[in-house]
């Protein structure tokens, strides 16, 4: 795999993280660069580890991983997104919104895991190719860190404009990502 192919793969793997981070940034009271970078690093580290894990699973377990990854991502993202939508609907007006200063580590880690399950499957596929898996995984992780950090920073501008609807929109985005992963893997749009 050449460097251009690796970069395109990394960009593709980081798009879900960008969309999720956009929603996460929109619901925070204030997004600092430090918080955006923290989020980006959590997403990036997990996105680096999942193709390595997938590669390690290799041929023996690939049919099991690929048989369930889309369902796991769908459930995780739907639950997280559903919680955001319900939280947003509970607020009667913008004054009642309790915007957090930052997201908890577990919420970010679960979101990152859910958006990186496709990288796990990619890692399984890379086990069959002659690739430098460490370099490829690092490229994916760095791209995801940059994209998630950028998503958080852009989200901070969207949040004040949308008010309470930012949390609802962020939840809908997560549910949409989960649904698109499920639809794609089940081949429902072919």
Protein backbone atom coordinates (compact mmCIF):
# COMPACT_ATOMS: atom_id res chain seq x y z
CA UNK A 1 0.00 0.00 0.00
CA UNK A 2 1.50 3.34 -1.01
CA UNK A 3 1.47 6.54 1.05
CA UNK A 4 -1.43 8.11 -0.90
CA UNK A 5 -3.60 5.04 -0.32
CA UNK A 6 -2.68 5.09 3.37
CA UNK A 7 -3.59 8.79 3.67
CA UNK A 8 -6.93 8.28 1.91
CA UNK A 9 -7.66 5.32 4.18
CA UNK A 10 -6.76 7.40 7.25
CA UNK A 11 -9.00 10.27 6.14
CA UNK A 12 -11.89 7.89 5.51
CA UNK A 13 -11.44 6.26 8.91
CA UNK A 14 -11.45 9.64 10.66
CA UNK A 15 -14.68 11.04 9.18
CA UNK A 16 -16.98 9.39 11.73
CA UNK A 17 -14.83 10.77 14.55
CA UNK A 18 -15.05 14.24 13.01
CA UNK A 19 -18.86 14.11 12.89
CA UNK A 20 -19.11 12.76 16.45
CA UNK A 21 -16.67 15.39 17.78
CA UNK A 22 -18.62 18.12 16.01
CA UNK A 23 -21.69 17.15 18.00
CA UNK A 24 -19.70 16.82 21.22
CA UNK A 25 -18.21 20.29 20.77
CA UNK A 26 -21.59 21.84 20.09
CA UNK A 27 -23.02 20.88 23.49
CA UNK A 28 -20.18 22.11 25.70
CA UNK A 29 -20.41 25.46 27.48
CA UNK A 30 -16.99 26.51 26.23
CA UNK A 31 -14.60 24.49 24.08
CA UNK A 32 -10.99 25.32 24.74
CA UNK A 33 -8.21 24.12 22.50
CA UNK A 34 -7.01 21.96 25.41
CA UNK A 35 -10.41 20.22 25.64
CA UNK A 36 -10.62 19.82 21.86
CA UNK A 37 -7.13 18.31 21.78
CA UNK A 38 -7.99 15.99 24.72
CA UNK A 39 -11.01 14.75 22.78
CA UNK A 40 -8.96 14.41 19.61
CA UNK A 41 -6.30 12.41 21.42
CA UNK A 42 -8.84 10.04 22.98
CA UNK A 43 -10.39 9.42 19.56
CA UNK A 44 -6.95 9.20 17.91
CA UNK A 45 -5.47 6.71 20.37
CA UNK A 46 -8.51 4.44 20.12
CA UNK A 47 -8.51 4.76 16.34
CA UNK A 48 -4.82 3.79 16.34
CA UNK A 49 -5.38 0.74 18.51
CA UNK A 50 -8.40 -0.71 16.71
CA UNK A 51 -6.71 -1.50 13.37
CA UNK A 52 -3.81 -3.01 15.33
CA UNK A 53 -6.26 -5.17 17.25
CA UNK A 54 -8.06 -6.11 14.03
CA UNK A 55 -4.77 -6.98 12.38
CA UNK A 56 -3.82 -9.15 15.37
CA UNK A 57 -7.13 -10.99 15.18
CA UNK A 58 -6.26 -11.80 11.61
CA UNK A 59 -7.74 -14.59 9.59
CA UNK A 60 -8.98 -16.85 12.40
CA UNK A 61 -11.41 -14.44 14.02
CA UNK A 62 -12.21 -12.16 11.10
CA UNK A 63 -15.58 -13.70 10.31
CA UNK A 64 -16.72 -13.20 13.92
CA UNK A 65 -15.48 -9.62 14.17
CA UNK A 66 -16.91 -8.56 10.84
CA UNK A 67 -20.20 -10.36 11.56
CA UNK A 68 -20.93 -8.20 14.61
CA UNK A 69 -18.96 -4.94 14.36
CA UNK A 70 -21.74 -3.03 12.63
CA UNK A 71 -24.32 -4.12 15.21
CA UNK A 72 -22.06 -3.12 18.11
CA UNK A 73 -21.40 0.30 16.53
CA UNK A 74 -25.11 0.78 15.80
CA UNK A 75 -26.19 -0.03 19.37
CA UNK A 76 -23.47 2.07 21.05
CA UNK A 77 -24.04 5.11 18.85
CA UNK A 78 -27.83 4.84 19.05
CA UNK A 79 -27.76 4.63 22.87
CA UNK A 80 -25.30 7.55 23.18
CA UNK A 81 -27.17 9.60 20.58
CA UNK A 82 -30.54 8.74 22.13
CA UNK A 83 -29.33 9.97 25.51
CA UNK A 84 -28.26 13.26 23.91
CA UNK A 85 -31.61 13.70 22.14
CA UNK A 86 -33.58 12.94 25.32
CA UNK A 87 -31.35 15.33 27.30
CA UNK A 88 -31.92 18.06 24.73
CA UNK A 89 -35.69 17.52 24.69
CA UNK A 90 -35.88 17.75 28.48
CA UNK A 91 -34.70 21.38 28.40
CA UNK A 92 -37.66 23.76 28.10
CA UNK A 93 -35.65 26.81 27.10
CA UNK A 94 -32.06 27.87 26.62
CA UNK A 95 -31.75 29.23 30.18
CA UNK A 96 -32.34 25.76 31.64
CA UNK A 97 -29.56 24.11 29.69
CA UNK A 98 -26.78 22.82 31.90
CA UNK A 99 -23.90 22.75 29.49
CA UNK A 100 -21.00 20.71 30.79
CA UNK A 101 -17.49 22.16 30.90
CA UNK A 102 -16.13 18.92 29.44
CA UNK A 103 -17.23 15.43 28.50
CA UNK A 104 -16.34 12.52 30.74
CA UNK A 105 -13.59 10.18 29.62
CA UNK A 106 -15.92 7.16 29.42
CA UNK A 107 -18.46 8.99 27.23
CA UNK A 108 -15.70 10.04 24.84
CA UNK A 109 -14.04 6.61 24.90
CA UNK A 110 -17.32 4.79 24.18
CA UNK A 111 -18.10 7.18 21.34
CA UNK A 112 -14.57 6.71 19.98
CA UNK A 113 -14.84 2.91 20.19
CA UNK A 114 -18.20 2.98 18.42
CA UNK A 115 -16.88 5.17 15.61
CA UNK A 116 -13.68 3.12 15.25
CA UNK A 117 -15.15 -0.37 14.85
CA UNK A 118 -14.82 0.00 11.10
CA UNK A 119 -11.07 0.48 11.67
CA UNK A 120 -11.07 -2.85 13.49
CA UNK A 121 -12.52 -4.52 10.41
CA UNK A 122 -10.02 -2.66 8.21
CA UNK A 123 -7.23 -3.99 10.43
CA UNK A 124 -8.48 -7.53 9.83
CA UNK A 125 -8.36 -6.87 6.10
CA UNK A 126 -4.86 -5.41 6.35
CA UNK A 127 -3.66 -8.68 7.87
CA UNK A 128 -3.96 -10.17 4.39
CA UNK A 129 -1.88 -7.45 2.74
CA UNK A 130 1.80 -6.62 2.86
CA UNK A 131 1.53 -3.40 4.86
CA UNK A 132 3.41 -1.80 7.67
CA UNK A 133 0.54 -2.06 10.15
CA UNK A 134 2.20 0.18 12.74
CA UNK A 135 2.73 3.01 10.25
CA UNK A 136 -0.78 2.59 8.85
CA UNK A 137 -2.37 2.56 12.33
CA UNK A 138 -0.37 5.63 13.38
CA UNK A 139 -1.44 7.47 10.23
CA UNK A 140 -5.08 6.63 10.95
CA UNK A 141 -4.66 7.73 14.58
CA UNK A 142 -2.99 11.03 13.70
CA UNK A 143 -5.63 11.80 11.08
CA UNK A 144 -8.38 11.01 13.59
CA UNK A 145 -6.75 13.20 16.25
CA UNK A 146 -6.64 16.12 13.82
CA UNK A 147 -10.18 15.57 12.55
CA UNK A 148 -11.75 15.10 16.01
CA UNK A 149 -9.94 18.13 17.40
CA UNK A 150 -11.12 20.18 14.43
CA UNK A 151 -14.66 18.85 14.86
CA UNK A 152 -14.71 19.95 18.50
CA UNK A 153 -13.45 23.42 17.60
CA UNK A 154 -16.02 23.86 14.84
CA UNK A 155 -18.71 22.50 17.17
CA UNK A 156 -18.06 25.30 19.64
CA UNK A 157 -19.27 27.82 17.04
CA UNK A 158 -22.32 25.76 16.16
CA UNK A 159 -23.41 25.28 19.79
CA UNK A 160 -24.24 28.91 20.66
CA UNK A 161 -26.15 29.35 17.40
CA UNK A 162 -28.27 26.25 17.88
CA UNK A 163 -28.79 26.54 21.66
CA UNK A 164 -30.62 23.54 23.11
CA UNK A 165 -30.97 22.08 19.63
CA UNK A 166 -27.20 21.47 19.49
CA UNK A 167 -27.49 18.52 21.88
CA UNK A 168 -30.45 17.11 19.94
CA UNK A 169 -28.62 17.56 16.64
CA UNK A 170 -25.47 15.97 18.07
CA UNK A 171 -27.51 12.96 19.19
CA UNK A 172 -29.17 12.67 15.79
CA UNK A 173 -25.72 12.78 14.14
CA UNK A 174 -24.51 9.89 16.33
CA UNK A 175 -27.66 7.87 15.60
CA UNK A 176 -27.21 8.65 11.89
CA UNK A 177 -23.60 7.45 11.94
CA UNK A 178 -24.65 4.22 13.66
CA UNK A 179 -27.51 3.69 11.22
CA UNK A 180 -25.30 4.34 8.18
CA UNK A 181 -22.74 1.82 9.46
CA UNK A 182 -25.50 -0.77 9.92
CA UNK A 183 -27.12 -0.07 6.53
CA UNK A 184 -23.75 -0.20 4.74
CA UNK A 185 -22.71 -3.49 6.34
CA UNK A 186 -26.10 -5.11 5.75
CA UNK A 187 -26.02 -3.97 2.12
CA UNK A 188 -29.52 -2.47 2.33
CA UNK A 189 -28.81 0.26 -0.24
CA UNK A 190 -27.36 -1.95 -2.94
